[in-house]
Amino acid sequence: MPSLKVQVTRIVDHSYPIWVECIFTDAKGKEHTIHEKVPVISAENISEIELPMSKQIDCLVEDQWRDKKGISISRIKFPWSIESIEGMTSFEILSENLEK
């Protein structure tokens, strides 16, 4: 399954499992924030001392195309009902931000 590169910026809930804030930028330059459990984005524990750090979140590619400038764009969704803090579930991102 492909994954989207995200920046883990802070711990938002220290209960078990720990929840972290992940940020990524879409193809139009808009920043999106996701709050997610550490086990979804990492097999290892995350501590505040290590932050910020780069990680990946698995995603599903719904569509892919090239824009007028020839830049590859992907429309993605996250599995497990993951959504942004704004309630968005589908995002258009630069395909170069995907790991396969």
PDB file of N, CA and C in Angstrom:
ATOM      1  N   MET A   1       0.853  -1.173   0.000  1.00  0.00           N
ATOM      2  CA  MET A   1       0.000   0.000   0.000  1.00  0.00           C
ATOM      3  C   MET A   1       0.900   1.238   0.000  1.00  0.00           C
ATOM      4  N   PRO A   2       0.596   2.225  -0.832  1.00  0.00           N
ATOM      5  CA  PRO A   2       1.392   3.464  -0.816  1.00  0.00           C
ATOM      6  C   PRO A   2       1.184   4.216   0.496  1.00  0.00           C
ATOM      7  N   SER A   3       2.094   5.119   0.783  1.00  0.00           N
ATOM      8  CA  SER A   3       1.963   5.934   1.990  1.00  0.00           C
ATOM      9  C   SER A   3       2.330   7.375   1.673  1.00  0.00           C
ATOM     10  N   LEU A   4       1.746   8.284   2.440  1.00  0.00           N
ATOM     11  CA  LEU A   4       1.981   9.713   2.278  1.00  0.00           C
ATOM     12  C   LEU A   4       2.999  10.179   3.307  1.00  0.00           C
ATOM     13  N   LYS A   5       3.984  10.941   2.859  1.00  0.00           N
ATOM     14  CA  LYS A   5       4.966  11.527   3.770  1.00  0.00           C
ATOM     15  C   LYS A   5       4.294  12.631   4.575  1.00  0.00           C
ATOM     16  N   VAL A   6       4.440  12.567   5.900  1.00  0.00           N
ATOM     17  CA  VAL A   6       3.876  13.578   6.795  1.00  0.00           C
ATOM     18  C   VAL A   6       4.950  14.016   7.785  1.00  0.00           C
ATOM     19  N   GLN A   7       4.713  15.151   8.401  1.00  0.00           N
ATOM     20  CA  GLN A   7       5.583  15.656   9.459  1.00  0.00           C
ATOM     21  C   GLN A   7       4.833  15.504  10.784  1.00  0.00           C
ATOM     22  N   VAL A   8       5.400  14.746  11.709  1.00  0.00           N
ATOM     23  CA  VAL A   8       4.814  14.612  13.045  1.00  0.00           C
ATOM     24  C   VAL A   8       5.348  15.779  13.864  1.00  0.00           C
ATOM     25  N   THR A   9       4.450  16.633  14.352  1.00  0.00           N
ATOM     26  CA  THR A   9       4.883  17.879  14.983  1.00  0.00           C
ATOM     27  C   THR A   9       4.755  17.909  16.497  1.00  0.00           C
ATOM     28  N   ARG A  10       3.779  17.159  17.036  1.00  0.00           N
ATOM     29  CA  ARG A  10       3.617  17.191  18.494  1.00  0.00           C
ATOM     30  C   ARG A  10       2.733  16.041  18.955  1.00  0.00           C
ATOM     31  N   ILE A  11       2.821  15.752  20.244  1.00  0.00           N
ATOM     32  CA  ILE A  11       1.930  14.784  20.869  1.00  0.00           C
ATOM     33  C   ILE A  11       0.696  15.547  21.336  1.00  0.00           C
ATOM     34  N   VAL A  12      -0.481  15.060  20.958  1.00  0.00           N
ATOM     35  CA  VAL A  12      -1.723  15.745  21.343  1.00  0.00           C
ATOM     36  C   VAL A  12      -2.459  15.037  22.477  1.00  0.00           C
ATOM     37  N   ASP A  13      -2.117  13.771  22.739  1.00  0.00           N
ATOM     38  CA  ASP A  13      -2.753  13.028  23.829  1.00  0.00           C
ATOM     39  C   ASP A  13      -1.762  11.972  24.318  1.00  0.00           C
ATOM     40  N   HIS A  14      -1.411  12.038  25.594  1.00  0.00           N
ATOM     41  CA  HIS A  14      -0.426  11.118  26.173  1.00  0.00           C
ATOM     42  C   HIS A  14      -1.039   9.823  26.694  1.00  0.00           C
ATOM     43  N   SER A  15      -2.350   9.644  26.558  1.00  0.00           N
ATOM     44  CA  SER A  15      -2.960   8.395  27.018  1.00  0.00           C
ATOM     45  C   SER A  15      -2.489   7.250  26.123  1.00  0.00           C
ATOM     46  N   TYR A  16      -2.959   6.039  26.389  1.00  0.00           N
ATOM     47  CA  TYR A  16      -2.550   4.906  25.574  1.00  0.00           C
ATOM     48  C   TYR A  16      -3.670   4.523  24.618  1.00  0.00           C
ATOM     49  N   PRO A  17      -3.401   4.398  23.331  1.00  0.00           N
ATOM     50  CA  PRO A  17      -2.130   4.735  22.697  1.00  0.00           C
ATOM     51  C   PRO A  17      -1.964   6.253  22.561  1.00  0.00           C
ATOM     52  N   ILE A  18      -0.724   6.659  22.422  1.00  0.00           N
ATOM     53  CA  ILE A  18      -0.414   8.080  22.252  1.00  0.00           C
ATOM     54  C   ILE A  18      -0.943   8.557  20.902  1.00  0.00           C
ATOM     55  N   TRP A  19      -1.498   9.769  20.880  1.00  0.00           N
ATOM     56  CA  TRP A  19      -1.970  10.404  19.648  1.00  0.00           C
ATOM     57  C   TRP A  19      -1.025  11.540  19.293  1.00  0.00           C
ATOM     58  N   VAL A  20      -0.712  11.672  18.002  1.00  0.00           N
ATOM     59  CA  VAL A  20       0.187  12.723  17.539  1.00  0.00           C
ATOM     60  C   VAL A  20      -0.480  13.567  16.459  1.00  0.00           C
ATOM     61  N   GLU A  21       0.077  14.746  16.261  1.00  0.00           N
ATOM     62  CA  GLU A  21      -0.377  15.641  15.196  1.00  0.00           C
ATOM     63  C   GLU A  21       0.536  15.457  13.997  1.00  0.00           C
ATOM     64  N   CYS A  22      -0.058  15.194  12.838  1.00  0.00           N
ATOM     65  CA  CYS A  22       0.676  15.014  11.583  1.00  0.00           C
ATOM     66  C   CYS A  22       0.227  16.093  10.607  1.00  0.00           C
ATOM     67  N   ILE A  23       1.195  16.680   9.920  1.00  0.00           N
ATOM     68  CA  ILE A  23       0.898  17.758   8.979  1.00  0.00           C
ATOM     69  C   ILE A  23       1.438  17.382   7.602  1.00  0.00           C
ATOM     70  N   PHE A  24       0.657  17.697   6.568  1.00  0.00           N
ATOM     71  CA  PHE A  24       1.121  17.552   5.186  1.00  0.00           C
ATOM     72  C   PHE A  24       0.507  18.672   4.362  1.00  0.00           C
ATOM     73  N   THR A  25       1.077  18.901   3.197  1.00  0.00           N
ATOM     74  CA  THR A  25       0.625  19.972   2.312  1.00  0.00           C
ATOM     75  C   THR A  25       0.058  19.358   1.044  1.00  0.00           C
ATOM     76  N   ASP A  26      -1.096  19.863   0.595  1.00  0.00           N
ATOM     77  CA  ASP A  26      -1.704  19.333  -0.621  1.00  0.00           C
ATOM     78  C   ASP A  26      -1.086  19.967  -1.864  1.00  0.00           C
ATOM     79  N   ALA A  27      -1.579  19.580  -3.027  1.00  0.00           N
ATOM     80  CA  ALA A  27      -1.012  20.041  -4.301  1.00  0.00           C
ATOM     81  C   ALA A  27      -1.184  21.537  -4.521  1.00  0.00           C
ATOM     82  N   LYS A  28      -2.141  22.157  -3.834  1.00  0.00           N
ATOM     83  CA  LYS A  28      -2.367  23.600  -3.984  1.00  0.00           C
ATOM     84  C   LYS A  28      -1.658  24.413  -2.905  1.00  0.00           C
ATOM     85  N   GLY A  29      -0.884  23.734  -2.050  1.00  0.00           N
ATOM     86  CA  GLY A  29      -0.128  24.427  -1.017  1.00  0.00           C
ATOM     87  C   GLY A  29      -0.853  24.591   0.306  1.00  0.00           C
ATOM     88  N   LYS A  30      -2.054  24.013   0.432  1.00  0.00           N
ATOM     89  CA  LYS A  30      -2.808  24.106   1.692  1.00  0.00           C
ATOM     90  C   LYS A  30      -2.292  23.057   2.669  1.00  0.00           C
ATOM     91  N   GLU A  31      -2.056  23.481   3.907  1.00  0.00           N
ATOM     92  CA  GLU A  31      -1.588  22.571   4.944  1.00  0.00           C
ATOM     93  C   GLU A  31      -2.779  21.883   5.614  1.00  0.00           C
ATOM     94  N   HIS A  32      -2.657  20.569   5.806  1.00  0.00           N
ATOM     95  CA  HIS A  32      -3.697  19.778   6.462  1.00  0.00           C
ATOM     96  C   HIS A  32      -3.121  19.141   7.720  1.00  0.00           C
ATOM     97  N   THR A  33      -3.961  19.013   8.736  1.00  0.00           N
ATOM     98  CA  THR A  33      -3.554  18.442  10.019  1.00  0.00           C
ATOM     99  C   THR A  33      -4.408  17.223  10.328  1.00  0.00           C
ATOM    100  N   ILE A  34      -3.729  16.163  10.760  1.00  0.00           N
ATOM    101  CA  ILE A  34      -4.391  14.925  11.157  1.00  0.00           C
ATOM    102  C   ILE A  34      -3.925  14.585  12.565  1.00  0.00           C
ATOM    103  N   HIS A  35      -4.834  14.172  13.420  1.00  0.00           N
ATOM    104  CA  HIS A  35      -4.493  13.628  14.729  1.00  0.00           C
ATOM    105  C   HIS A  35      -4.703  12.125  14.638  1.00  0.00           C
ATOM    106  N   GLU A  36      -3.634  11.366  14.913  1.00  0.00           N
ATOM    107  CA  GLU A  36      -3.729   9.918  14.742  1.00  0.00           C
ATOM    108  C   GLU A  36      -2.911   9.189  15.804  1.00  0.00           C
ATOM    109  N   LYS A  37      -3.273   7.932  16.028  1.00  0.00           N
ATOM    110  CA  LYS A  37      -2.574   7.084  16.993  1.00  0.00           C
ATOM    111  C   LYS A  37      -1.189   6.723  16.461  1.00  0.00           C
ATOM    112  N   VAL A  38      -0.200   6.695  17.371  1.00  0.00           N
ATOM    113  CA  VAL A  38       1.168   6.363  16.974  1.00  0.00           C
ATOM    114  C   VAL A  38       1.245   5.019  16.250  1.00  0.00           C
ATOM    115  N   PRO A  39       0.581   3.945  16.701  1.00  0.00           N
ATOM    116  CA  PRO A  39       0.713   2.664  15.996  1.00  0.00           C
ATOM    117  C   PRO A  39       0.291   2.702  14.520  1.00  0.00           C
ATOM    118  N   VAL A  40      -0.522   3.664  14.132  1.00  0.00           N
ATOM    119  CA  VAL A  40      -0.942   3.784  12.732  1.00  0.00           C
ATOM    120  C   VAL A  40       0.199   4.313  11.868  1.00  0.00           C
ATOM    121  N   ILE A  41       1.070   5.144  12.445  1.00  0.00           N
ATOM    122  CA  ILE A  41       2.125   5.764  11.640  1.00  0.00           C
ATOM    123  C   ILE A  41       3.530   5.259  11.947  1.00  0.00           C
ATOM    124  N   SER A  42       3.687   4.470  13.024  1.00  0.00           N
ATOM    125  CA  SER A  42       5.029   4.023  13.386  1.00  0.00           C
ATOM    126  C   SER A  42       4.962   2.759  14.231  1.00  0.00           C
ATOM    127  N   ALA A  43       5.891   1.840  13.979  1.00  0.00           N
ATOM    128  CA  ALA A  43       5.997   0.637  14.805  1.00  0.00           C
ATOM    129  C   ALA A  43       6.734   0.943  16.107  1.00  0.00           C
ATOM    130  N   GLU A  44       7.422   2.082  16.145  1.00  0.00           N
ATOM    131  CA  GLU A  44       8.181   2.476  17.334  1.00  0.00           C
ATOM    132  C   GLU A  44       7.435   3.549  18.113  1.00  0.00           C
ATOM    133  N   ASN A  45       7.782   3.672  19.384  1.00  0.00           N
ATOM    134  CA  ASN A  45       7.237   4.757  20.197  1.00  0.00           C
ATOM    135  C   ASN A  45       7.804   6.086  19.720  1.00  0.00           C
ATOM    136  N   ILE A  46       7.090   7.155  19.980  1.00  0.00           N
ATOM    137  CA  ILE A  46       7.532   8.503  19.623  1.00  0.00           C
ATOM    138  C   ILE A  46       7.568   9.326  20.900  1.00  0.00           C
ATOM    139  N   SER A  47       8.675  10.041  21.102  1.00  0.00           N
ATOM    140  CA  SER A  47       8.766  10.919  22.270  1.00  0.00           C
ATOM    141  C   SER A  47       8.873  12.363  21.804  1.00  0.00           C
ATOM    142  N   GLU A  48       8.488  13.280  22.685  1.00  0.00           N
ATOM    143  CA  GLU A  48       8.517  14.703  22.334  1.00  0.00           C
ATOM    144  C   GLU A  48       9.921  15.187  22.002  1.00  0.00           C
ATOM    145  N   ILE A  49      10.926  14.558  22.575  1.00  0.00           N
ATOM    146  CA  ILE A  49      12.314  14.957  22.317  1.00  0.00           C
ATOM    147  C   ILE A  49      12.663  14.777  20.839  1.00  0.00           C
ATOM    148  N   GLU A  50      12.075  13.781  20.190  1.00  0.00           N
ATOM    149  CA  GLU A  50      12.379  13.470  18.785  1.00  0.00           C
ATOM    150  C   GLU A  50      11.638  14.356  17.782  1.00  0.00           C
ATOM    151  N   LEU A  51      10.680  15.126  18.243  1.00  0.00           N
ATOM    152  CA  LEU A  51       9.813  15.891  17.338  1.00  0.00           C
ATOM    153  C   LEU A  51      10.412  17.232  16.966  1.00  0.00           C
ATOM    154  N   PRO A  52      10.149  17.721  15.783  1.00  0.00           N
ATOM    155  CA  PRO A  52       9.356  17.091  14.711  1.00  0.00           C
ATOM    156  C   PRO A  52      10.139  15.977  14.022  1.00  0.00           C
ATOM    157  N   MET A  53       9.413  15.088  13.377  1.00  0.00           N
ATOM    158  CA  MET A  53      10.027  13.992  12.630  1.00  0.00           C
ATOM    159  C   MET A  53       9.158  13.631  11.427  1.00  0.00           C
ATOM    160  N   SER A  54       9.796  13.046  10.426  1.00  0.00           N
ATOM    161  CA  SER A  54       9.083  12.604   9.226  1.00  0.00           C
ATOM    162  C   SER A  54       8.617  11.164   9.413  1.00  0.00           C
ATOM    163  N   LYS A  55       7.397  10.891   8.984  1.00  0.00           N
ATOM    164  CA  LYS A  55       6.828   9.540   9.005  1.00  0.00           C
ATOM    165  C   LYS A  55       5.937   9.394   7.778  1.00  0.00           C
ATOM    166  N   GLN A  56       5.280   8.238   7.661  1.00  0.00           N
ATOM    167  CA  GLN A  56       4.341   7.999   6.563  1.00  0.00           C
ATOM    168  C   GLN A  56       3.036   7.448   7.116  1.00  0.00           C
ATOM    169  N   ILE A  57       1.941   7.800   6.437  1.00  0.00           N
ATOM    170  CA  ILE A  57       0.631   7.221   6.747  1.00  0.00           C
ATOM    171  C   ILE A  57       0.152   6.490   5.496  1.00  0.00           C
ATOM    172  N   ASP A  58      -0.217   5.220   5.654  1.00  0.00           N
ATOM    173  CA  ASP A  58      -0.739   4.461   4.517  1.00  0.00           C
ATOM    174  C   ASP A  58      -1.934   5.183   3.912  1.00  0.00           C
ATOM    175  N   CYS A  59      -2.041   5.091   2.588  1.00  0.00           N
ATOM    176  CA  CYS A  59      -3.160   5.745   1.909  1.00  0.00           C
ATOM    177  C   CYS A  59      -3.590   4.929   0.698  1.00  0.00           C
ATOM    178  N   LEU A  60      -4.746   5.264   0.188  1.00  0.00           N
ATOM    179  CA  LEU A  60      -5.298   4.641  -1.011  1.00  0.00           C
ATOM    180  C   LEU A  60      -5.328   5.683  -2.115  1.00  0.00           C
ATOM    181  N   VAL A  61      -4.751   5.373  -3.264  1.00  0.00           N
ATOM    182  CA  VAL A  61      -4.761   6.298  -4.393  1.00  0.00           C
ATOM    183  C   VAL A  61      -6.039   6.055  -5.184  1.00  0.00           C
ATOM    184  N   GLU A  62      -6.891   7.086  -5.236  1.00  0.00           N
ATOM    185  CA  GLU A  62      -8.165   6.984  -5.948  1.00  0.00           C
ATOM    186  C   GLU A  62      -8.026   7.347  -7.415  1.00  0.00           C
ATOM    187  N   ASP A  63      -7.112   8.276  -7.718  1.00  0.00           N
ATOM    188  CA  ASP A  63      -6.936   8.753  -9.090  1.00  0.00           C
ATOM    189  C   ASP A  63      -5.566   9.408  -9.196  1.00  0.00           C
ATOM    190  N   GLN A  64      -5.049   9.455 -10.412  1.00  0.00           N
ATOM    191  CA  GLN A  64      -3.757  10.090 -10.663  1.00  0.00           C
ATOM    192  C   GLN A  64      -3.794  10.722 -12.050  1.00  0.00           C
ATOM    193  N   TRP A  65      -3.219  11.922 -12.187  1.00  0.00           N
ATOM    194  CA  TRP A  65      -3.195  12.630 -13.459  1.00  0.00           C
ATOM    195  C   TRP A  65      -2.063  13.638 -13.461  1.00  0.00           C
ATOM    196  N   ARG A  66      -1.853  14.241 -14.617  1.00  0.00           N
ATOM    197  CA  ARG A  66      -0.862  15.317 -14.743  1.00  0.00           C
ATOM    198  C   ARG A  66      -1.606  16.623 -14.980  1.00  0.00           C
ATOM    199  N   ASP A  67      -1.160  17.677 -14.300  1.00  0.00           N
ATOM    200  CA  ASP A  67      -1.792  18.983 -14.496  1.00  0.00           C
ATOM    201  C   ASP A  67      -1.253  19.633 -15.769  1.00  0.00           C
ATOM    202  N   LYS A  68      -1.641  20.878 -16.042  1.00  0.00           N
ATOM    203  CA  LYS A  68      -1.237  21.580 -17.267  1.00  0.00           C
ATOM    204  C   LYS A  68       0.269  21.760 -17.369  1.00  0.00           C
ATOM    205  N   LYS A  69       0.951  21.776 -16.234  1.00  0.00           N
ATOM    206  CA  LYS A  69       2.413  21.930 -16.217  1.00  0.00           C
ATOM    207  C   LYS A  69       3.135  20.589 -16.265  1.00  0.00           C
ATOM    208  N   GLY A  70       2.377  19.501 -16.319  1.00  0.00           N
ATOM    209  CA  GLY A  70       2.961  18.171 -16.378  1.00  0.00           C
ATOM    210  C   GLY A  70       3.305  17.576 -15.018  1.00  0.00           C
ATOM    211  N   ILE A  71       2.849  18.212 -13.950  1.00  0.00           N
ATOM    212  CA  ILE A  71       3.130  17.730 -12.598  1.00  0.00           C
ATOM    213  C   ILE A  71       2.132  16.632 -12.240  1.00  0.00           C
ATOM    214  N   SER A  72       2.641  15.537 -11.706  1.00  0.00           N
ATOM    215  CA  SER A  72       1.793  14.406 -11.344  1.00  0.00           C
ATOM    216  C   SER A  72       1.070  14.683 -10.022  1.00  0.00           C
ATOM    217  N   ILE A  73      -0.264  14.562 -10.065  1.00  0.00           N
ATOM    218  CA  ILE A  73      -1.135  14.790  -8.912  1.00  0.00           C
ATOM    219  C   ILE A  73      -1.860  13.478  -8.597  1.00  0.00           C
ATOM    220  N   SER A  74      -2.027  13.181  -7.317  1.00  0.00           N
ATOM    221  CA  SER A  74      -2.780  11.997  -6.891  1.00  0.00           C
ATOM    222  C   SER A  74      -3.895  12.414  -5.947  1.00  0.00           C
ATOM    223  N   ARG A  75      -5.076  11.842  -6.140  1.00  0.00           N
ATOM    224  CA  ARG A  75      -6.161  12.016  -5.175  1.00  0.00           C
ATOM    225  C   ARG A  75      -6.098  10.808  -4.249  1.00  0.00           C
ATOM    226  N   ILE A  76      -5.972  11.064  -2.949  1.00  0.00           N
ATOM    227  CA  ILE A  76      -5.827   9.983  -1.985  1.00  0.00           C
ATOM    228  C   ILE A  76      -6.897  10.047  -0.905  1.00  0.00           C
ATOM    229  N   LYS A  77      -7.082   8.910  -0.257  1.00  0.00           N
ATOM    230  CA  LYS A  77      -7.885   8.776   0.964  1.00  0.00           C
ATOM    231  C   LYS A  77      -7.050   7.936   1.913  1.00  0.00           C
ATOM    232  N   PHE A  78      -7.322   8.066   3.189  1.00  0.00           N
ATOM    233  CA  PHE A  78      -6.661   7.233   4.177  1.00  0.00           C
ATOM    234  C   PHE A  78      -7.599   6.106   4.589  1.00  0.00           C
ATOM    235  N   PRO A  79      -7.049   4.916   4.863  1.00  0.00           N
ATOM    236  CA  PRO A  79      -7.896   3.837   5.377  1.00  0.00           C
ATOM    237  C   PRO A  79      -8.265   4.109   6.836  1.00  0.00           C
ATOM    238  N   TRP A  80      -9.055   3.259   7.421  1.00  0.00           N
ATOM    239  CA  TRP A  80      -9.412   3.299   8.844  1.00  0.00           C
ATOM    240  C   TRP A  80     -10.135   4.582   9.237  1.00  0.00           C
ATOM    241  N   SER A  81     -10.851   5.189   8.307  1.00  0.00           N
ATOM    242  CA  SER A  81     -11.648   6.404   8.581  1.00  0.00           C
ATOM    243  C   SER A  81     -10.817   7.575   9.088  1.00  0.00           C
ATOM    244  N   ILE A  82      -9.555   7.645   8.706  1.00  0.00           N
ATOM    245  CA  ILE A  82      -8.701   8.772   9.092  1.00  0.00           C
ATOM    246  C   ILE A  82      -9.163  10.000   8.327  1.00  0.00           C
ATOM    247  N   GLU A  83      -9.276  11.119   9.035  1.00  0.00           N
ATOM    248  CA  GLU A  83      -9.670  12.378   8.403  1.00  0.00           C
ATOM    249  C   GLU A  83      -8.877  13.519   9.018  1.00  0.00           C
ATOM    250  N   SER A  84      -8.875  14.646   8.319  1.00  0.00           N
ATOM    251  CA  SER A  84      -8.196  15.830   8.843  1.00  0.00           C
ATOM    252  C   SER A  84      -9.018  16.414   9.990  1.00  0.00           C
ATOM    253  N   ILE A  85      -8.422  17.340  10.741  1.00  0.00           N
ATOM    254  CA  ILE A  85      -9.172  17.958  11.837  1.00  0.00           C
ATOM    255  C   ILE A  85     -10.319  18.806  11.308  1.00  0.00           C
ATOM    256  N   GLU A  86     -10.307  19.121   9.996  1.00  0.00           N
ATOM    257  CA  GLU A  86     -11.415  19.842   9.360  1.00  0.00           C
ATOM    258  C   GLU A  86     -12.489  18.885   8.853  1.00  0.00           C
ATOM    259  N   GLY A  87     -12.283  17.572   9.017  1.00  0.00           N
ATOM    260  CA  GLY A  87     -13.257  16.581   8.572  1.00  0.00           C
ATOM    261  C   GLY A  87     -13.077  16.128   7.137  1.00  0.00           C
ATOM    262  N   MET A  88     -11.993  16.526   6.485  1.00  0.00           N
ATOM    263  CA  MET A  88     -11.755  16.114   5.094  1.00  0.00           C
ATOM    264  C   MET A  88     -11.230  14.680   5.050  1.00  0.00           C
ATOM    265  N   THR A  89     -11.654  13.936   4.027  1.00  0.00           N
ATOM    266  CA  THR A  89     -11.218  12.551   3.878  1.00  0.00           C
ATOM    267  C   THR A  89     -10.527  12.279   2.547  1.00  0.00           C
ATOM    268  N   SER A  90     -10.599  13.200   1.609  1.00  0.00           N
ATOM    269  CA  SER A  90      -9.987  13.049   0.291  1.00  0.00           C
ATOM    270  C   SER A  90      -9.097  14.258   0.032  1.00  0.00           C
ATOM    271  N   PHE A  91      -7.889  13.995  -0.512  1.00  0.00           N
ATOM    272  CA  PHE A  91      -6.906  15.058  -0.693  1.00  0.00           C
ATOM    273  C   PHE A  91      -6.209  14.909  -2.036  1.00  0.00           C
ATOM    274  N   GLU A  92      -5.935  16.022  -2.690  1.00  0.00           N
ATOM    275  CA  GLU A  92      -5.134  16.022  -3.912  1.00  0.00           C
ATOM    276  C   GLU A  92      -3.734  16.464  -3.525  1.00  0.00           C
ATOM    277  N   ILE A  93      -2.772  15.567  -3.738  1.00  0.00           N
ATOM    278  CA  ILE A  93      -1.399  15.826  -3.315  1.00  0.00           C
ATOM    279  C   ILE A  93      -0.450  15.654  -4.499  1.00  0.00           C
ATOM    280  N   LEU A  94       0.754  16.193  -4.367  1.00  0.00           N
ATOM    281  CA  LEU A  94       1.784  15.933  -5.362  1.00  0.00           C
ATOM    282  C   LEU A  94       2.180  14.469  -5.245  1.00  0.00           C
ATOM    283  N   SER A  95       2.189  13.758  -6.365  1.00  0.00           N
ATOM    284  CA  SER A  95       2.508  12.330  -6.346  1.00  0.00           C
ATOM    285  C   SER A  95       3.906  12.065  -5.805  1.00  0.00           C
ATOM    286  N   GLU A  96       4.798  13.038  -5.912  1.00  0.00           N
ATOM    287  CA  GLU A  96       6.161  12.864  -5.396  1.00  0.00           C
ATOM    288  C   GLU A  96       6.180  12.708  -3.872  1.00  0.00           C
ATOM    289  N   ASN A  97       5.093  13.031  -3.200  1.00  0.00           N
ATOM    290  CA  ASN A  97       5.016  12.874  -1.744  1.00  0.00           C
ATOM    291  C   ASN A  97       4.510  11.500  -1.319  1.00  0.00           C
ATOM    292  N   LEU A  98       4.357  10.608  -2.286  1.00  0.00           N
ATOM    293  CA  LEU A  98       3.947   9.235  -1.993  1.00  0.00           C
ATOM    294  C   LEU A  98       5.157   8.317  -1.976  1.00  0.00           C
ATOM    295  N   GLU A  99       5.168   7.392  -1.035  1.00  0.00           N
ATOM    296  CA  GLU A  99       6.134   6.292  -1.008  1.00  0.00           C
ATOM    297  C   GLU A  99       5.375   5.058  -1.468  1.00  0.00           C
ATOM    298  N   LYS A 100       6.001   4.262  -2.308  1.00  0.00           N
ATOM    299  CA  LYS A 100       5.293   3.073  -2.816  1.00  0.00           C
ATOM    300  C   LYS A 100       5.733   1.819  -2.133  1.00  0.00           C
TER     301      LYS A 100
END
